[in-house]
C-alpha atoms as a PDB file:
ATOM      1  CA  UNK A   1      38.885 121.164 121.973  1.00  0.00           C
ATOM      2  CA  UNK A   2      39.639 124.816 121.331  1.00  0.00           C
ATOM      3  CA  UNK A   3      37.388 127.583 120.030  1.00  0.00           C
ATOM      4  CA  UNK A   4      39.099 130.459 118.210  1.00  0.00           C
ATOM      5  CA  UNK A   5      37.800 133.694 116.715  1.00  0.00           C
ATOM      6  CA  UNK A   6      39.927 135.131 113.925  1.00  0.00           C
ATOM      7  CA  UNK A   7      39.620 138.652 112.532  1.00  0.00           C
ATOM      8  CA  UNK A   8      41.742 139.265 109.431  1.00  0.00           C
ATOM      9  CA  UNK A   9      41.864 142.691 107.791  1.00  0.00           C
ATOM     10  CA  UNK A  10      43.744 143.218 104.545  1.00  0.00           C
ATOM     11  CA  UNK A  11      43.691 145.369 101.438  1.00  0.00           C
ATOM     12  CA  UNK A  12      45.473 148.063  99.491  1.00  0.00           C
ATOM     13  CA  UNK A  13      45.990 151.811  99.732  1.00  0.00           C
ATOM     14  CA  UNK A  14      46.475 153.233  96.232  1.00  0.00           C
ATOM     15  CA  UNK A  15      48.479 156.348  95.405  1.00  0.00           C
ATOM     16  CA  UNK A  16      45.767 157.488  93.027  1.00  0.00           C
ATOM     17  CA  UNK A  17      42.285 156.613  91.904  1.00  0.00           C
ATOM     18  CA  UNK A  18      41.565 153.066  90.747  1.00  0.00           C
ATOM     19  CA  UNK A  19      38.883 152.916  88.058  1.00  0.00           C
ATOM     20  CA  UNK A  20      38.199 149.161  88.264  1.00  0.00           C
ATOM     21  CA  UNK A  21      39.535 146.000  89.881  1.00  0.00           C
ATOM     22  CA  UNK A  22      38.827 142.277  89.661  1.00  0.00           C
ATOM     23  CA  UNK A  23      39.757 140.101  92.622  1.00  0.00           C
ATOM     24  CA  UNK A  24      39.631 136.754  94.419  1.00  0.00           C
ATOM     25  CA  UNK A  25      39.793 136.313  98.194  1.00  0.00           C
ATOM     26  CA  UNK A  26      40.646 133.093 100.038  1.00  0.00           C
ATOM     27  CA  UNK A  27      40.057 134.155 103.637  1.00  0.00           C
ATOM     28  CA  UNK A  28      37.200 131.977 104.929  1.00  0.00           C
ATOM     29  CA  UNK A  29      37.788 128.532 106.500  1.00  0.00           C
ATOM     30  CA  UNK A  30      35.638 125.493 105.772  1.00  0.00           C
ATOM     31  CA  UNK A  31      34.466 122.750 108.125  1.00  0.00           C
ATOM     32  CA  UNK A  32      36.329 119.441 108.096  1.00  0.00           C
ATOM     33  CA  UNK A  33      39.638 117.913 109.165  1.00  0.00           C
ATOM     34  CA  UNK A  34      39.175 118.506 112.868  1.00  0.00           C
ATOM     35  CA  UNK A  35      37.569 121.924 112.565  1.00  0.00           C
ATOM     36  CA  UNK A  36      33.968 123.088 112.620  1.00  0.00           C
ATOM     37  CA  UNK A  37      33.164 126.581 111.362  1.00  0.00           C
ATOM     38  CA  UNK A  38      30.526 128.061 113.639  1.00  0.00           C
ATOM     39  CA  UNK A  39      30.465 131.466 111.948  1.00  0.00           C
ATOM     40  CA  UNK A  40      32.221 133.147 109.020  1.00  0.00           C
ATOM     41  CA  UNK A  41      31.713 136.395 107.152  1.00  0.00           C
ATOM     42  CA  UNK A  42      33.693 138.482 104.689  1.00  0.00           C
ATOM     43  CA  UNK A  43      33.062 142.222 104.443  1.00  0.00           C
ATOM     44  CA  UNK A  44      34.378 144.062 101.387  1.00  0.00           C
ATOM     45  CA  UNK A  45      34.721 147.825 101.046  1.00  0.00           C
ATOM     46  CA  UNK A  46      33.734 149.480  98.753  1.00  0.00           C
ATOM     47  CA  UNK A  47      30.639 147.282  98.587  1.00  0.00           C
ATOM     48  CA  UNK A  48      30.539 145.094  95.490  1.00  0.00           C
ATOM     49  CA  UNK A  49      28.764 142.104  93.989  1.00  0.00           C
ATOM     50  CA  UNK A  50      30.255 138.762  95.026  1.00  0.00           C
ATOM     51  CA  UNK A  51      30.389 135.255  93.635  1.00  0.00           C
ATOM     52  CA  UNK A  52      31.253 132.344  95.932  1.00  0.00           C
ATOM     53  CA  UNK A  53      32.636 128.970  94.918  1.00  0.00           C
ATOM     54  CA  UNK A  54      34.916 126.172  96.128  1.00  0.00           C
ATOM     55  CA  UNK A  55      38.080 125.714  94.059  1.00  0.00           C
ATOM     56  CA  UNK A  56      39.761 122.523  92.861  1.00  0.00           C
ATOM     57  CA  UNK A  57      41.573 122.052  96.172  1.00  0.00           C
ATOM     58  CA  UNK A  58      38.482 122.580  98.347  1.00  0.00           C
ATOM     59  CA  UNK A  59      39.206 126.179  99.332  1.00  0.00           C
ATOM     60  CA  UNK A  60      36.343 128.666  99.703  1.00  0.00           C
ATOM     61  CA  UNK A  61      36.754 131.537  97.237  1.00  0.00           C
ATOM     62  CA  UNK A  62      35.016 134.914  97.032  1.00  0.00           C
ATOM     63  CA  UNK A  63      35.310 136.497  93.585  1.00  0.00           C
ATOM     64  CA  UNK A  64      34.330 140.159  93.241  1.00  0.00           C
ATOM     65  CA  UNK A  65      34.768 143.199  91.058  1.00  0.00           C
ATOM     66  CA  UNK A  66      34.992 146.885  91.909  1.00  0.00           C
ATOM     67  CA  UNK A  67      33.733 149.077  89.079  1.00  0.00           C
ATOM     68  CA  UNK A  68      33.350 152.281  91.131  1.00  0.00           C
ATOM     69  CA  UNK A  69      36.368 154.557  91.451  1.00  0.00           C
ATOM     70  CA  UNK A  70      38.225 154.012  94.732  1.00  0.00           C
ATOM     71  CA  UNK A  71      41.513 154.785  96.483  1.00  0.00           C
ATOM     72  CA  UNK A  72      41.385 151.918  98.985  1.00  0.00           C
ATOM     73  CA  UNK A  73      40.268 148.305  98.894  1.00  0.00           C
ATOM     74  CA  UNK A  74      39.608 146.710 102.278  1.00  0.00           C
ATOM     75  CA  UNK A  75      38.516 143.196 103.249  1.00  0.00           C
ATOM     76  CA  UNK A  76      37.603 142.049 106.765  1.00  0.00           C
ATOM     77  CA  UNK A  77      37.176 138.356 107.472  1.00  0.00           C
ATOM     78  CA  UNK A  78      35.561 137.267 110.747  1.00  0.00           C
ATOM     79  CA  UNK A  79      35.239 133.627 111.710  1.00  0.00           C
ATOM     80  CA  UNK A  80      34.640 131.473 114.769  1.00  0.00           C
ATOM     81  CA  UNK A  81      36.068 127.959 114.542  1.00  0.00           C
ATOM     82  CA  UNK A  82      35.946 124.994 116.895  1.00  0.00           C
ATOM     83  CA  UNK A  83      39.110 122.898 116.697  1.00  0.00           C
ATOM     84  CA  UNK A  84      39.986 119.371 117.744  1.00  0.00           C
ATOM     85  CA  UNK A  85      43.318 117.577 117.639  1.00  0.00           C
ATOM     86  CA  UNK A  86      43.738 115.573 114.433  1.00  0.00           C
ATOM     87  CA  UNK A  87      44.431 111.834 114.745  1.00  0.00           C
ATOM     88  CA  UNK A  88      47.951 110.672 113.888  1.00  0.00           C
ATOM     89  CA  UNK A  89      48.623 108.124 111.137  1.00  0.00           C
ATOM     90  CA  UNK A  90      52.084 107.256 112.456  1.00  0.00           C
ATOM     91  CA  UNK A  91      53.697 104.314 110.679  1.00  0.00           C
ATOM     92  CA  UNK A  92      50.492 102.932 109.185  1.00  0.00           C
ATOM     93  CA  UNK A  93      51.779 102.373 105.626  1.00  0.00           C
ATOM     94  CA  UNK A  94      55.012 100.971 104.173  1.00  0.00           C
ATOM     95  CA  UNK A  95      57.095 102.483 101.371  1.00  0.00           C
ATOM     96  CA  UNK A  96      55.852  99.862  98.888  1.00  0.00           C
ATOM     97  CA  UNK A  97      52.238 100.411  99.904  1.00  0.00           C
ATOM     98  CA  UNK A  98      52.632 104.182  99.586  1.00  0.00           C
ATOM     99  CA  UNK A  99      53.914 103.922  96.025  1.00  0.00           C
ATOM    100  CA  UNK A 100      50.861 101.846  95.112  1.00  0.00           C
ATOM    101  CA  UNK A 101      48.458 104.256  96.837  1.00  0.00           C
ATOM    102  CA  UNK A 102      49.975 107.289  95.113  1.00  0.00           C
ATOM    103  CA  UNK A 103      49.278 105.832  91.671  1.00  0.00           C
ATOM    104  CA  UNK A 104      45.582 105.309  92.444  1.00  0.00           C
ATOM    105  CA  UNK A 105      44.480 108.961  92.498  1.00  0.00           C
ATOM    106  CA  UNK A 106      45.204 112.029  90.392  1.00  0.00           C
ATOM    107  CA  UNK A 107      45.345 114.172  93.534  1.00  0.00           C
ATOM    108  CA  UNK A 108      48.170 112.121  95.022  1.00  0.00           C
ATOM    109  CA  UNK A 109      50.133 112.073  91.777  1.00  0.00           C
ATOM    110  CA  UNK A 110      49.773 115.855  91.433  1.00  0.00           C
ATOM    111  CA  UNK A 111      51.063 116.280  94.978  1.00  0.00           C
ATOM    112  CA  UNK A 112      54.389 114.663  94.054  1.00  0.00           C
ATOM    113  CA  UNK A 113      55.118 117.146  91.243  1.00  0.00           C
ATOM    114  CA  UNK A 114      57.482 120.033  91.958  1.00  0.00           C
ATOM    115  CA  UNK A 115      56.571 123.630  91.135  1.00  0.00           C
ATOM    116  CA  UNK A 116      58.791 126.628  90.487  1.00  0.00           C
ATOM    117  CA  UNK A 117      58.457 127.635  94.140  1.00  0.00           C
ATOM    118  CA  UNK A 118      59.067 124.194  95.681  1.00  0.00           C
ATOM    119  CA  UNK A 119      61.914 122.744  93.577  1.00  0.00           C
ATOM    120  CA  UNK A 120      64.645 122.185  96.187  1.00  0.00           C
ATOM    121  CA  UNK A 121      68.374 122.819  95.776  1.00  0.00           C
ATOM    122  CA  UNK A 122      70.575 119.739  95.297  1.00  0.00           C
ATOM    123  CA  UNK A 123      71.813 119.839  98.891  1.00  0.00           C
ATOM    124  CA  UNK A 124      68.280 119.629 100.280  1.00  0.00           C
ATOM    125  CA  UNK A 125      67.221 116.915  97.829  1.00  0.00           C
ATOM    126  CA  UNK A 126      70.265 114.786  98.694  1.00  0.00           C
ATOM    127  CA  UNK A 127      69.675 115.124 102.427  1.00  0.00           C
ATOM    128  CA  UNK A 128      66.001 114.250 101.984  1.00  0.00           C
ATOM    129  CA  UNK A 129      66.958 111.028 100.187  1.00  0.00           C
ATOM    130  CA  UNK A 130      69.389 110.128 102.984  1.00  0.00           C
ATOM    131  CA  UNK A 131      66.724 110.649 105.643  1.00  0.00           C
ATOM    132  CA  UNK A 132      64.169 108.654 103.663  1.00  0.00           C
ATOM    133  CA  UNK A 133      66.603 105.758 103.187  1.00  0.00           C
ATOM    134  CA  UNK A 134      67.233 105.630 106.934  1.00  0.00           C
ATOM    135  CA  UNK A 135      63.517 105.780 107.863  1.00  0.00           C
ATOM    136  CA  UNK A 136      61.451 102.652 108.426  1.00  0.00           C
ATOM    137  CA  UNK A 137      58.289 104.143 106.904  1.00  0.00           C
ATOM    138  CA  UNK A 138      57.105 107.274 105.040  1.00  0.00           C
ATOM    139  CA  UNK A 139      55.676 108.920 108.168  1.00  0.00           C
ATOM    140  CA  UNK A 140      59.013 108.715 109.988  1.00  0.00           C
ATOM    141  CA  UNK A 141      60.804 110.031 106.907  1.00  0.00           C
ATOM    142  CA  UNK A 142      58.392 112.951 106.540  1.00  0.00           C
ATOM    143  CA  UNK A 143      58.911 114.024 110.148  1.00  0.00           C
ATOM    144  CA  UNK A 144      62.671 113.741 109.855  1.00  0.00           C
ATOM    145  CA  UNK A 145      62.694 115.782 106.651  1.00  0.00           C
ATOM    146  CA  UNK A 146      60.500 118.547 108.100  1.00  0.00           C
ATOM    147  CA  UNK A 147      62.578 118.694 111.265  1.00  0.00           C
ATOM    148  CA  UNK A 148      65.742 118.954 109.154  1.00  0.00           C
ATOM    149  CA  UNK A 149      64.329 121.988 107.341  1.00  0.00           C
ATOM    150  CA  UNK A 150      63.240 123.464 110.688  1.00  0.00           C
ATOM    151  CA  UNK A 151      66.752 123.106 112.115  1.00  0.00           C
ATOM    152  CA  UNK A 152      68.478 124.614 109.088  1.00  0.00           C
ATOM    153  CA  UNK A 153      66.290 127.633 108.239  1.00  0.00           C
ATOM    154  CA  UNK A 154      65.893 130.478 110.709  1.00  0.00           C
ATOM    155  CA  UNK A 155      62.501 132.180 110.895  1.00  0.00           C
ATOM    156  CA  UNK A 156      63.131 135.828 109.978  1.00  0.00           C
ATOM    157  CA  UNK A 157      60.575 138.186 108.378  1.00  0.00           C
ATOM    158  CA  UNK A 158      61.679 140.685 105.770  1.00  0.00           C
ATOM    159  CA  UNK A 159      64.384 138.608 104.109  1.00  0.00           C
ATOM    160  CA  UNK A 160      62.179 137.038 101.439  1.00  0.00           C
ATOM    161  CA  UNK A 161      58.992 137.855  99.520  1.00  0.00           C
ATOM    162  CA  UNK A 162      55.941 136.050  98.183  1.00  0.00           C
ATOM    163  CA  UNK A 163      57.777 135.185  94.946  1.00  0.00           C
ATOM    164  CA  UNK A 164      60.873 133.745  96.650  1.00  0.00           C
ATOM    165  CA  UNK A 165      61.591 130.152  95.633  1.00  0.00           C
ATOM    166  CA  UNK A 166      62.682 127.333  97.929  1.00  0.00           C
ATOM    167  CA  UNK A 167      66.165 127.397  96.385  1.00  0.00           C
ATOM    168  CA  UNK A 168      66.498 131.140  96.998  1.00  0.00           C
ATOM    169  CA  UNK A 169      65.324 130.816 100.613  1.00  0.00           C
ATOM    170  CA  UNK A 170      67.895 128.055 101.177  1.00  0.00           C
ATOM    171  CA  UNK A 171      70.669 130.397 100.068  1.00  0.00           C
ATOM    172  CA  UNK A 172      69.731 132.804 102.867  1.00  0.00           C
ATOM    173  CA  UNK A 173      68.956 130.012 105.369  1.00  0.00           C
ATOM    174  CA  UNK A 174      66.357 132.503 106.593  1.00  0.00           C
ATOM    175  CA  UNK A 175      62.732 133.152 105.737  1.00  0.00           C
ATOM    176  CA  UNK A 176      59.135 132.993 106.886  1.00  0.00           C
ATOM    177  CA  UNK A 177      56.661 130.129 107.168  1.00  0.00           C
ATOM    178  CA  UNK A 178      55.963 130.276 103.431  1.00  0.00           C
ATOM    179  CA  UNK A 179      59.635 129.655 102.599  1.00  0.00           C
ATOM    180  CA  UNK A 180      60.054 126.888 105.182  1.00  0.00           C
ATOM    181  CA  UNK A 181      56.906 125.209 103.887  1.00  0.00           C
ATOM    182  CA  UNK A 182      58.087 125.386 100.269  1.00  0.00           C
ATOM    183  CA  UNK A 183      61.402 123.803 101.243  1.00  0.00           C
ATOM    184  CA  UNK A 184      59.655 121.037 103.170  1.00  0.00           C
ATOM    185  CA  UNK A 185      57.287 120.386 100.250  1.00  0.00           C
ATOM    186  CA  UNK A 186      60.164 120.139  97.805  1.00  0.00           C
ATOM    187  CA  UNK A 187      62.088 117.738 100.034  1.00  0.00           C
ATOM    188  CA  UNK A 188      59.051 115.517 100.659  1.00  0.00           C
ATOM    189  CA  UNK A 189      58.149 115.346  96.975  1.00  0.00           C
ATOM    190  CA  UNK A 190      61.741 114.489  96.114  1.00  0.00           C
ATOM    191  CA  UNK A 191      61.433 111.162  97.976  1.00  0.00           C
ATOM    192  CA  UNK A 192      58.013 110.335  96.559  1.00  0.00           C
ATOM    193  CA  UNK A 193      55.848 111.475  99.481  1.00  0.00           C
ATOM    194  CA  UNK A 194      52.815 113.454  98.238  1.00  0.00           C
ATOM    195  CA  UNK A 195      52.692 116.820  99.968  1.00  0.00           C
ATOM    196  CA  UNK A 196      50.583 119.947  99.731  1.00  0.00           C
ATOM    197  CA  UNK A 197      50.720 123.549 100.928  1.00  0.00           C
ATOM    198  CA  UNK A 198      48.254 124.590 103.634  1.00  0.00           C
ATOM    199  CA  UNK A 199      47.404 128.187 104.545  1.00  0.00           C
ATOM    200  CA  UNK A 200      45.567 129.419 107.607  1.00  0.00           C
ATOM    201  CA  UNK A 201      46.246 130.782 111.056  1.00  0.00           C
ATOM    202  CA  UNK A 202      48.137 129.662 114.151  1.00  0.00           C
ATOM    203  CA  UNK A 203      47.278 130.915 117.623  1.00  0.00           C
ATOM    204  CA  UNK A 204      50.761 131.893 118.873  1.00  0.00           C
ATOM    205  CA  UNK A 205      50.029 131.311 122.583  1.00  0.00           C
ATOM    206  CA  UNK A 206      49.637 127.623 123.544  1.00  0.00           C
ATOM    207  CA  UNK A 207      47.912 128.318 126.868  1.00  0.00           C
ATOM    208  CA  UNK A 208      46.027 131.516 126.086  1.00  0.00           C
ATOM    209  CA  UNK A 209      43.351 132.621 128.496  1.00  0.00           C
ATOM    210  CA  UNK A 210      39.741 132.611 127.349  1.00  0.00           C
ATOM    211  CA  UNK A 211      38.817 136.074 126.060  1.00  0.00           C
ATOM    212  CA  UNK A 212      42.434 137.115 125.466  1.00  0.00           C
ATOM    213  CA  UNK A 213      43.013 138.700 122.050  1.00  0.00           C
ATOM    214  CA  UNK A 214      46.500 138.493 120.579  1.00  0.00           C
ATOM    215  CA  UNK A 215      48.146 139.735 117.398  1.00  0.00           C
ATOM    216  CA  UNK A 216      48.486 136.936 114.884  1.00  0.00           C
ATOM    217  CA  UNK A 217      49.307 136.506 111.229  1.00  0.00           C
ATOM    218  CA  UNK A 218      48.592 134.251 108.294  1.00  0.00           C
ATOM    219  CA  UNK A 219      50.492 130.997 108.596  1.00  0.00           C
ATOM    220  CA  UNK A 220      51.545 128.099 106.359  1.00  0.00           C
ATOM    221  CA  UNK A 221      52.407 124.456 106.922  1.00  0.00           C
ATOM    222  CA  UNK A 222      52.457 121.121 105.090  1.00  0.00           C
ATOM    223  CA  UNK A 223      50.270 118.068 104.774  1.00  0.00           C
ATOM    224  CA  UNK A 224      51.827 114.822 103.560  1.00  0.00           C
ATOM    225  CA  UNK A 225      50.153 111.610 102.466  1.00  0.00           C
ATOM    226  CA  UNK A 226      51.228 108.386 104.209  1.00  0.00           C
ATOM    227  CA  UNK A 227      48.033 106.425 103.708  1.00  0.00           C
ATOM    228  CA  UNK A 228      46.047 109.405 105.003  1.00  0.00           C
ATOM    229  CA  UNK A 229      46.722 113.137 104.887  1.00  0.00           C
ATOM    230  CA  UNK A 230      48.592 114.352 107.952  1.00  0.00           C
ATOM    231  CA  UNK A 231      49.526 117.931 108.828  1.00  0.00           C
ATOM    232  CA  UNK A 232      52.776 119.187 110.315  1.00  0.00           C
ATOM    233  CA  UNK A 233      54.130 122.674 111.005  1.00  0.00           C
ATOM    234  CA  UNK A 234      57.829 122.709 110.002  1.00  0.00           C
ATOM    235  CA  UNK A 235      58.261 126.345 111.025  1.00  0.00           C
ATOM    236  CA  UNK A 236      57.567 125.442 114.663  1.00  0.00           C
ATOM    237  CA  UNK A 237      58.264 121.674 114.477  1.00  0.00           C
ATOM    238  CA  UNK A 238      54.852 120.807 115.906  1.00  0.00           C
ATOM    239  CA  UNK A 239      51.872 118.672 114.891  1.00  0.00           C
ATOM    240  CA  UNK A 240      48.692 120.311 113.661  1.00  0.00           C
ATOM    241  CA  UNK A 241      46.378 120.256 116.664  1.00  0.00           C
ATOM    242  CA  UNK A 242      43.836 122.661 118.109  1.00  0.00           C
ATOM    243  CA  UNK A 243      45.682 125.935 117.441  1.00  0.00           C
ATOM    244  CA  UNK A 244      45.818 125.750 113.623  1.00  0.00           C
ATOM    245  CA  UNK A 245      42.875 127.029 111.554  1.00  0.00           C
ATOM    246  CA  UNK A 246      42.920 125.714 107.976  1.00  0.00           C
ATOM    247  CA  UNK A 247      41.815 128.121 105.225  1.00  0.00           C
ATOM    248  CA  UNK A 248      43.260 126.800 101.970  1.00  0.00           C
ATOM    249  CA  UNK A 249      45.284 124.059 100.293  1.00  0.00           C
ATOM    250  CA  UNK A 250      47.243 123.862  97.061  1.00  0.00           C
ATOM    251  CA  UNK A 251      50.494 122.990  95.327  1.00  0.00           C
ATOM    252  CA  UNK A 252      52.271 126.063  96.706  1.00  0.00           C
ATOM    253  CA  UNK A 253      51.539 129.610  97.875  1.00  0.00           C
ATOM    254  CA  UNK A 254      50.291 130.661  94.448  1.00  0.00           C
ATOM    255  CA  UNK A 255      47.181 128.512  94.894  1.00  0.00           C
ATOM    256  CA  UNK A 256      46.153 130.064  98.229  1.00  0.00           C
ATOM    257  CA  UNK A 257      46.956 133.812  98.522  1.00  0.00           C
ATOM    258  CA  UNK A 258      44.435 135.601 100.775  1.00  0.00           C
ATOM    259  CA  UNK A 259      43.846 138.259  98.117  1.00  0.00           C
ATOM    260  CA  UNK A 260      44.860 138.607  94.498  1.00  0.00           C
ATOM    261  CA  UNK A 261      43.597 140.419  91.446  1.00  0.00           C
ATOM    262  CA  UNK A 262      44.185 143.028  88.796  1.00  0.00           C
ATOM    263  CA  UNK A 263      43.252 146.694  88.673  1.00  0.00           C
ATOM    264  CA  UNK A 264      43.303 149.727  86.387  1.00  0.00           C
ATOM    265  CA  UNK A 265      44.899 152.731  88.032  1.00  0.00           C
ATOM    266  CA  UNK A 266      48.153 153.990  89.564  1.00  0.00           C
ATOM    267  CA  UNK A 267      51.212 151.745  89.392  1.00  0.00           C
ATOM    268  CA  UNK A 268      51.921 151.946  93.127  1.00  0.00           C
ATOM    269  CA  UNK A 269      49.922 150.486  96.006  1.00  0.00           C
ATOM    270  CA  UNK A 270      50.562 149.644  99.643  1.00  0.00           C
ATOM    271  CA  UNK A 271      49.363 146.400 101.206  1.00  0.00           C
ATOM    272  CA  UNK A 272      48.049 146.439 104.773  1.00  0.00           C
ATOM    273  CA  UNK A 273      47.392 143.386 106.960  1.00  0.00           C
ATOM    274  CA  UNK A 274      46.302 142.822 110.555  1.00  0.00           C
ATOM    275  CA  UNK A 275      45.219 139.573 112.205  1.00  0.00           C
ATOM    276  CA  UNK A 276      43.665 139.233 115.655  1.00  0.00           C
ATOM    277  CA  UNK A 277      42.997 135.859 117.301  1.00  0.00           C
ATOM    278  CA  UNK A 278      40.882 135.332 120.388  1.00  0.00           C
ATOM    279  CA  UNK A 279      40.404 132.112 122.315  1.00  0.00           C
ATOM    280  CA  UNK A 280      36.707 131.828 123.191  1.00  0.00           C
ATOM    281  CA  UNK A 281      36.511 128.353 124.655  1.00  0.00           C
END
């Protein structure tokens, strides 16, 4: 068991005065799947009215509007989450059984459909099929596919952006967790394994001392369905255990951005982001 406190600050500095903005934030985790939210709060500046709901994929959403003139929009999310290792579903379902299970629910069918961001290049799709053919079960294939992506794509910030597709990231063979996750999703869906995008946080220090605060960042990984949903971090080639805090799920990054919206005002703005993670137990 691990207890983590996460403080996430994000927002925009505008070059001029914004007269109005309409936004959605996905920055608060929910209990479930090996995690218990002990405390969570989202502070928005300037102060505004808020509407809270849970979206189609089970992600907590805060919708708000800013009708007062402002030059900066700032959001601060604070949460305390207790984490436990998730049970493995290794080898519990065959390929034939998986195909039958996928057809039983809309959610599973949707999770096999490619999006603009996840559609893999031919080279990745072909390799995914080879790995799946050699695997005895879907779980083994999923691990092999994710580890293939991990071995081929170097983690390097600054090379790609939030709109970069899996095919574009493969051309560079470099990218961030978002790109590696999109590639893994595309490869998994190619061989008929339902897979979804997960956003959240990863404590970067496996054996952090209690009370130690470290700089973190938003993180992304995959969940695949092999009879049950199972998470895996292809960026680091590790299972989802007691260092990953889940915030949102979706088809790709576009379903789970921490903050998005529209505004009336100057054409230029500057995004700022800081994440601090503290182990508290």
